[in-house]
């Protein structure tokens, strides 16, 4: 596979979706983990059959599709249940993302591909990317944005932030950091600079796997 896979991640309310949009505007091909997470449990899929076998019919809607709210109510209260769900879905998500990437690179060899993965550093997907970008804001800004966006109390917002790997830790692990604390123009300047660097690397290094 001739191309460079770049993992894009961030924390809750740090602005990853904003940066993904900017990258798309610059011509980046984005493979979205959330899209594949839905695909692998579509009605009739083997993934959905395994999820139902693990958690029962209570996580299905009347039309046979997955009731995400019902499933979330189970797995977010039970770490073992969450791990069981991840064991079913995550390998399928990674496989789907890799298949999509190979199909794109067969037509566009030498191009970088962005993998949009919310929990990149927390899972095995980090081993499949060659470079990483973290969309960063300081925790005070992250907290304020999350409270404003979702209407959470400070305690609720803090609980959701603490449930993830620290954004400071993600920042330390990343190859590139986009600081989204300031204006959109400042964020866009960083995105453009990093994207140009990545394009140059992808064109010059001949990554293959």
C-alpha atoms as a PDB file:
ATOM      1  CA  UNK A   1       0.000   0.000   0.000  1.00  0.00           C
ATOM      2  CA  UNK A   2       1.702   3.153  -1.228  1.00  0.00           C
ATOM      3  CA  UNK A   3       0.628   6.059   0.920  1.00  0.00           C
ATOM      4  CA  UNK A   4       0.859   7.735   4.303  1.00  0.00           C
ATOM      5  CA  UNK A   5      -1.876   7.130   6.893  1.00  0.00           C
ATOM      6  CA  UNK A   6      -2.275  10.019   9.312  1.00  0.00           C
ATOM      7  CA  UNK A   7      -4.318   9.526  12.482  1.00  0.00           C
ATOM      8  CA  UNK A   8      -6.349  12.566  13.551  1.00  0.00           C
ATOM      9  CA  UNK A   9      -7.699  12.707  17.080  1.00  0.00           C
ATOM     10  CA  UNK A  10      -8.475  15.081  19.925  1.00  0.00           C
ATOM     11  CA  UNK A  11     -10.561  15.295  23.051  1.00  0.00           C
ATOM     12  CA  UNK A  12     -14.229  15.965  23.621  1.00  0.00           C
ATOM     13  CA  UNK A  13     -15.036  19.556  22.574  1.00  0.00           C
ATOM     14  CA  UNK A  14     -11.507  20.342  21.352  1.00  0.00           C
ATOM     15  CA  UNK A  15     -12.686  20.892  17.766  1.00  0.00           C
ATOM     16  CA  UNK A  16     -11.667  17.765  15.852  1.00  0.00           C
ATOM     17  CA  UNK A  17     -14.713  17.977  13.585  1.00  0.00           C
ATOM     18  CA  UNK A  18     -13.806  21.569  12.709  1.00  0.00           C
ATOM     19  CA  UNK A  19     -10.286  20.513  11.737  1.00  0.00           C
ATOM     20  CA  UNK A  20     -11.597  17.538   9.762  1.00  0.00           C
ATOM     21  CA  UNK A  21     -13.738  19.962   7.756  1.00  0.00           C
ATOM     22  CA  UNK A  22     -10.742  22.177   7.074  1.00  0.00           C
ATOM     23  CA  UNK A  23      -8.690  19.208   5.906  1.00  0.00           C
ATOM     24  CA  UNK A  24     -11.461  18.127   3.548  1.00  0.00           C
ATOM     25  CA  UNK A  25     -11.528  21.665   2.114  1.00  0.00           C
ATOM     26  CA  UNK A  26      -7.805  21.297   1.402  1.00  0.00           C
ATOM     27  CA  UNK A  27      -8.469  18.088  -0.518  1.00  0.00           C
ATOM     28  CA  UNK A  28      -7.701  15.518   2.165  1.00  0.00           C
ATOM     29  CA  UNK A  29      -9.318  12.100   1.862  1.00  0.00           C
ATOM     30  CA  UNK A  30     -10.758  11.306   5.297  1.00  0.00           C
ATOM     31  CA  UNK A  31     -11.640   7.816   6.510  1.00  0.00           C
ATOM     32  CA  UNK A  32     -14.060   8.250   9.415  1.00  0.00           C
ATOM     33  CA  UNK A  33     -14.005   5.701  12.253  1.00  0.00           C
ATOM     34  CA  UNK A  34     -17.498   6.761  13.379  1.00  0.00           C
ATOM     35  CA  UNK A  35     -18.914   5.995   9.928  1.00  0.00           C
ATOM     36  CA  UNK A  36     -17.397   2.520  10.035  1.00  0.00           C
ATOM     37  CA  UNK A  37     -18.612   2.015  13.613  1.00  0.00           C
ATOM     38  CA  UNK A  38     -22.147   2.388  12.265  1.00  0.00           C
ATOM     39  CA  UNK A  39     -21.538   0.278   9.178  1.00  0.00           C
ATOM     40  CA  UNK A  40     -20.260  -2.763  11.043  1.00  0.00           C
ATOM     41  CA  UNK A  41     -23.496  -3.079  13.031  1.00  0.00           C
ATOM     42  CA  UNK A  42     -25.978  -2.391  10.226  1.00  0.00           C
ATOM     43  CA  UNK A  43     -29.046  -4.675  10.048  1.00  0.00           C
ATOM     44  CA  UNK A  44     -28.088  -8.052   8.615  1.00  0.00           C
ATOM     45  CA  UNK A  45     -24.395  -7.666   9.423  1.00  0.00           C
ATOM     46  CA  UNK A  46     -22.344 -10.273  11.237  1.00  0.00           C
ATOM     47  CA  UNK A  47     -21.268  -7.526  13.626  1.00  0.00           C
ATOM     48  CA  UNK A  48     -24.849  -6.854  14.695  1.00  0.00           C
ATOM     49  CA  UNK A  49     -25.529 -10.571  15.096  1.00  0.00           C
ATOM     50  CA  UNK A  50     -22.563 -10.864  17.464  1.00  0.00           C
ATOM     51  CA  UNK A  51     -23.636  -7.797  19.448  1.00  0.00           C
ATOM     52  CA  UNK A  52     -27.136  -9.226  19.872  1.00  0.00           C
ATOM     53  CA  UNK A  53     -25.667 -12.578  20.914  1.00  0.00           C
ATOM     54  CA  UNK A  54     -23.617 -10.771  23.564  1.00  0.00           C
ATOM     55  CA  UNK A  55     -26.243  -8.340  24.899  1.00  0.00           C
ATOM     56  CA  UNK A  56     -29.641  -9.731  23.897  1.00  0.00           C
ATOM     57  CA  UNK A  57     -32.587  -8.459  21.884  1.00  0.00           C
ATOM     58  CA  UNK A  58     -33.063  -5.569  24.318  1.00  0.00           C
ATOM     59  CA  UNK A  59     -30.540  -3.549  22.287  1.00  0.00           C
ATOM     60  CA  UNK A  60     -32.629  -3.796  19.089  1.00  0.00           C
ATOM     61  CA  UNK A  61     -35.317  -1.444  17.834  1.00  0.00           C
ATOM     62  CA  UNK A  62     -38.609  -2.813  16.543  1.00  0.00           C
ATOM     63  CA  UNK A  63     -37.298  -2.624  12.953  1.00  0.00           C
ATOM     64  CA  UNK A  64     -34.288  -4.802  13.819  1.00  0.00           C
ATOM     65  CA  UNK A  65     -31.730  -1.989  13.834  1.00  0.00           C
ATOM     66  CA  UNK A  66     -29.395  -1.287  16.729  1.00  0.00           C
ATOM     67  CA  UNK A  67     -30.758   0.895  19.523  1.00  0.00           C
ATOM     68  CA  UNK A  68     -27.594   2.812  20.302  1.00  0.00           C
ATOM     69  CA  UNK A  69     -29.069   4.458  23.362  1.00  0.00           C
ATOM     70  CA  UNK A  70     -30.013   1.135  24.907  1.00  0.00           C
ATOM     71  CA  UNK A  71     -26.579  -0.304  24.180  1.00  0.00           C
ATOM     72  CA  UNK A  72     -24.816   2.788  25.536  1.00  0.00           C
ATOM     73  CA  UNK A  73     -26.824   2.539  28.759  1.00  0.00           C
ATOM     74  CA  UNK A  74     -25.371  -0.931  29.256  1.00  0.00           C
ATOM     75  CA  UNK A  75     -21.736  -0.462  28.270  1.00  0.00           C
ATOM     76  CA  UNK A  76     -21.112   2.903  29.925  1.00  0.00           C
ATOM     77  CA  UNK A  77     -22.092   1.434  33.283  1.00  0.00           C
ATOM     78  CA  UNK A  78     -20.027  -1.727  32.916  1.00  0.00           C
ATOM     79  CA  UNK A  79     -16.359  -1.792  31.912  1.00  0.00           C
ATOM     80  CA  UNK A  80     -16.448  -5.522  31.114  1.00  0.00           C
ATOM     81  CA  UNK A  81     -19.455  -4.986  28.852  1.00  0.00           C
ATOM     82  CA  UNK A  82     -17.695  -2.122  27.071  1.00  0.00           C
ATOM     83  CA  UNK A  83     -14.639  -4.279  26.477  1.00  0.00           C
ATOM     84  CA  UNK A  84     -16.849  -7.075  25.136  1.00  0.00           C
ATOM     85  CA  UNK A  85     -18.487  -4.658  22.694  1.00  0.00           C
ATOM     86  CA  UNK A  86     -15.130  -3.240  21.614  1.00  0.00           C
ATOM     87  CA  UNK A  87     -13.806  -6.743  20.967  1.00  0.00           C
ATOM     88  CA  UNK A  88     -16.676  -7.290  18.529  1.00  0.00           C
ATOM     89  CA  UNK A  89     -16.684  -3.941  16.752  1.00  0.00           C
ATOM     90  CA  UNK A  90     -13.159  -2.523  16.794  1.00  0.00           C
ATOM     91  CA  UNK A  91     -11.462  -5.180  14.627  1.00  0.00           C
ATOM     92  CA  UNK A  92     -14.256  -4.790  12.067  1.00  0.00           C
ATOM     93  CA  UNK A  93     -13.904  -1.014  12.108  1.00  0.00           C
ATOM     94  CA  UNK A  94     -10.145  -1.239  11.567  1.00  0.00           C
ATOM     95  CA  UNK A  95     -10.616  -3.755   8.757  1.00  0.00           C
ATOM     96  CA  UNK A  96     -13.182  -1.537   7.045  1.00  0.00           C
ATOM     97  CA  UNK A  97     -11.008   1.556   7.361  1.00  0.00           C
ATOM     98  CA  UNK A  98      -8.027  -0.288   5.917  1.00  0.00           C
ATOM     99  CA  UNK A  99     -10.086  -1.614   3.001  1.00  0.00           C
ATOM    100  CA  UNK A 100     -11.365   1.892   2.230  1.00  0.00           C
ATOM    101  CA  UNK A 101      -7.821   3.264   2.446  1.00  0.00           C
ATOM    102  CA  UNK A 102      -6.388   0.631   0.105  1.00  0.00           C
ATOM    103  CA  UNK A 103      -9.159   1.283  -2.414  1.00  0.00           C
ATOM    104  CA  UNK A 104      -8.407   5.012  -2.377  1.00  0.00           C
ATOM    105  CA  UNK A 105      -4.632   4.571  -2.609  1.00  0.00           C
ATOM    106  CA  UNK A 106      -4.966   2.167  -5.515  1.00  0.00           C
ATOM    107  CA  UNK A 107      -6.355   5.143  -7.450  1.00  0.00           C
ATOM    108  CA  UNK A 108      -4.236   7.839  -5.748  1.00  0.00           C
ATOM    109  CA  UNK A 109      -0.848   6.285  -4.896  1.00  0.00           C
ATOM    110  CA  UNK A 110       1.522   8.346  -2.792  1.00  0.00           C
ATOM    111  CA  UNK A 111      -1.223  10.481  -1.271  1.00  0.00           C
ATOM    112  CA  UNK A 112      -1.759  10.915   2.461  1.00  0.00           C
ATOM    113  CA  UNK A 113      -4.982   9.559   3.949  1.00  0.00           C
ATOM    114  CA  UNK A 114      -6.440  10.975   7.166  1.00  0.00           C
ATOM    115  CA  UNK A 115      -7.998   8.564   9.648  1.00  0.00           C
ATOM    116  CA  UNK A 116     -10.446  10.410  11.899  1.00  0.00           C
ATOM    117  CA  UNK A 117     -10.393   8.345  15.110  1.00  0.00           C
ATOM    118  CA  UNK A 118     -11.764   9.776  18.390  1.00  0.00           C
ATOM    119  CA  UNK A 119      -9.958   7.206  20.572  1.00  0.00           C
ATOM    120  CA  UNK A 120      -6.818   6.804  18.470  1.00  0.00           C
ATOM    121  CA  UNK A 121      -4.286   6.517  21.302  1.00  0.00           C
ATOM    122  CA  UNK A 122      -6.554   4.407  23.491  1.00  0.00           C
ATOM    123  CA  UNK A 123      -6.817   1.482  21.064  1.00  0.00           C
ATOM    124  CA  UNK A 124      -4.962  -0.683  18.565  1.00  0.00           C
ATOM    125  CA  UNK A 125      -5.628   1.667  15.635  1.00  0.00           C
ATOM    126  CA  UNK A 126      -2.616   3.747  16.660  1.00  0.00           C
ATOM    127  CA  UNK A 127      -0.387   0.936  15.345  1.00  0.00           C
ATOM    128  CA  UNK A 128      -1.841   1.293  11.836  1.00  0.00           C
ATOM    129  CA  UNK A 129      -0.997   4.973  11.299  1.00  0.00           C
ATOM    130  CA  UNK A 130       2.400   6.460  10.463  1.00  0.00           C
ATOM    131  CA  UNK A 131       1.788   9.982  11.754  1.00  0.00           C
ATOM    132  CA  UNK A 132      -0.573  11.478  14.327  1.00  0.00           C
ATOM    133  CA  UNK A 133      -2.282  14.855  14.722  1.00  0.00           C
ATOM    134  CA  UNK A 134      -3.988  15.992  17.916  1.00  0.00           C
ATOM    135  CA  UNK A 135      -6.485  18.836  17.979  1.00  0.00           C
ATOM    136  CA  UNK A 136      -5.764  20.552  21.272  1.00  0.00           C
ATOM    137  CA  UNK A 137      -7.292  23.110  23.596  1.00  0.00           C
ATOM    138  CA  UNK A 138      -6.352  23.681  27.211  1.00  0.00           C
ATOM    139  CA  UNK A 139      -8.653  21.946  29.654  1.00  0.00           C
ATOM    140  CA  UNK A 140     -10.315  25.175  30.822  1.00  0.00           C
ATOM    141  CA  UNK A 141     -11.354  25.981  27.249  1.00  0.00           C
ATOM    142  CA  UNK A 142     -12.398  22.375  26.676  1.00  0.00           C
ATOM    143  CA  UNK A 143     -14.595  22.500  29.791  1.00  0.00           C
ATOM    144  CA  UNK A 144     -16.216  25.818  28.871  1.00  0.00           C
ATOM    145  CA  UNK A 145     -16.953  24.694  25.307  1.00  0.00           C
ATOM    146  CA  UNK A 146     -18.421  21.391  26.425  1.00  0.00           C
ATOM    147  CA  UNK A 147     -20.711  23.071  28.954  1.00  0.00           C
ATOM    148  CA  UNK A 148     -21.883  25.603  26.354  1.00  0.00           C
ATOM    149  CA  UNK A 149     -22.324  23.052  23.569  1.00  0.00           C
ATOM    150  CA  UNK A 150     -24.127  20.320  25.509  1.00  0.00           C
ATOM    151  CA  UNK A 151     -25.702  22.230  28.358  1.00  0.00           C
ATOM    152  CA  UNK A 152     -23.827  20.181  30.942  1.00  0.00           C
ATOM    153  CA  UNK A 153     -23.184  21.322  34.478  1.00  0.00           C
ATOM    154  CA  UNK A 154     -19.534  21.770  35.361  1.00  0.00           C
ATOM    155  CA  UNK A 155     -19.548  18.433  37.206  1.00  0.00           C
ATOM    156  CA  UNK A 156     -21.127  16.627  34.252  1.00  0.00           C
ATOM    157  CA  UNK A 157     -18.666  18.139  31.797  1.00  0.00           C
ATOM    158  CA  UNK A 158     -15.680  17.324  33.995  1.00  0.00           C
ATOM    159  CA  UNK A 159     -16.858  13.721  34.328  1.00  0.00           C
ATOM    160  CA  UNK A 160     -16.947  13.310  30.542  1.00  0.00           C
ATOM    161  CA  UNK A 161     -13.536  14.887  30.096  1.00  0.00           C
ATOM    162  CA  UNK A 162     -12.047  12.684  32.833  1.00  0.00           C
ATOM    163  CA  UNK A 163     -13.495   9.585  31.158  1.00  0.00           C
ATOM    164  CA  UNK A 164     -11.065  10.105  28.268  1.00  0.00           C
ATOM    165  CA  UNK A 165      -7.298  10.081  28.091  1.00  0.00           C
ATOM    166  CA  UNK A 166      -6.032  13.520  29.135  1.00  0.00           C
ATOM    167  CA  UNK A 167      -5.694  15.955  26.237  1.00  0.00           C
ATOM    168  CA  UNK A 168      -2.274  16.869  27.661  1.00  0.00           C
ATOM    169  CA  UNK A 169      -1.198  13.224  27.372  1.00  0.00           C
ATOM    170  CA  UNK A 170      -2.491  13.051  23.798  1.00  0.00           C
ATOM    171  CA  UNK A 171      -0.572  16.206  23.022  1.00  0.00           C
ATOM    172  CA  UNK A 172       2.642  14.599  24.247  1.00  0.00           C
ATOM    173  CA  UNK A 173       2.052  11.509  22.097  1.00  0.00           C
ATOM    174  CA  UNK A 174       1.274  13.356  18.845  1.00  0.00           C
ATOM    175  CA  UNK A 175       3.596  14.079  15.937  1.00  0.00           C
ATOM    176  CA  UNK A 176       1.651  17.264  15.160  1.00  0.00           C
ATOM    177  CA  UNK A 177      -0.481  19.460  17.426  1.00  0.00           C
ATOM    178  CA  UNK A 178      -3.141  21.878  16.190  1.00  0.00           C
ATOM    179  CA  UNK A 179      -3.917  24.382  18.936  1.00  0.00           C
ATOM    180  CA  UNK A 180      -7.606  25.214  18.550  1.00  0.00           C
ATOM    181  CA  UNK A 181      -7.790  27.500  21.582  1.00  0.00           C
ATOM    182  CA  UNK A 182      -7.769  30.697  19.487  1.00  0.00           C
ATOM    183  CA  UNK A 183      -9.624  31.909  16.409  1.00  0.00           C
ATOM    184  CA  UNK A 184     -10.658  29.791  13.446  1.00  0.00           C
ATOM    185  CA  UNK A 185      -8.208  31.711  11.278  1.00  0.00           C
ATOM    186  CA  UNK A 186      -5.331  30.717  13.553  1.00  0.00           C
ATOM    187  CA  UNK A 187      -6.506  27.105  13.498  1.00  0.00           C
ATOM    188  CA  UNK A 188      -6.787  27.144   9.692  1.00  0.00           C
ATOM    189  CA  UNK A 189      -3.220  28.470   9.356  1.00  0.00           C
ATOM    190  CA  UNK A 190      -1.921  25.545  11.422  1.00  0.00           C
ATOM    191  CA  UNK A 191      -4.012  23.033   9.476  1.00  0.00           C
ATOM    192  CA  UNK A 192      -2.688  24.327   6.157  1.00  0.00           C
ATOM    193  CA  UNK A 193       0.919  24.276   7.338  1.00  0.00           C
ATOM    194  CA  UNK A 194       0.689  20.749   8.743  1.00  0.00           C
ATOM    195  CA  UNK A 195      -1.205  19.442   5.715  1.00  0.00           C
ATOM    196  CA  UNK A 196       1.434  20.817   3.345  1.00  0.00           C
ATOM    197  CA  UNK A 197       4.146  19.157   5.430  1.00  0.00           C
ATOM    198  CA  UNK A 198       2.317  15.834   5.402  1.00  0.00           C
ATOM    199  CA  UNK A 199       1.712  15.989   1.648  1.00  0.00           C
ATOM    200  CA  UNK A 200       5.397  16.617   1.067  1.00  0.00           C
ATOM    201  CA  UNK A 201       6.360  13.705   3.308  1.00  0.00           C
ATOM    202  CA  UNK A 202       3.890  11.361   1.623  1.00  0.00           C
ATOM    203  CA  UNK A 203       5.152  12.313  -1.830  1.00  0.00           C
ATOM    204  CA  UNK A 204       8.810  12.028  -0.898  1.00  0.00           C
ATOM    205  CA  UNK A 205       9.046   9.021   1.381  1.00  0.00           C
ATOM    206  CA  UNK A 206       7.315   6.293  -0.592  1.00  0.00           C
ATOM    207  CA  UNK A 207       5.616   4.740   2.429  1.00  0.00           C
ATOM    208  CA  UNK A 208       4.433   1.211   1.812  1.00  0.00           C
ATOM    209  CA  UNK A 209       3.043  -1.602   3.875  1.00  0.00           C
END
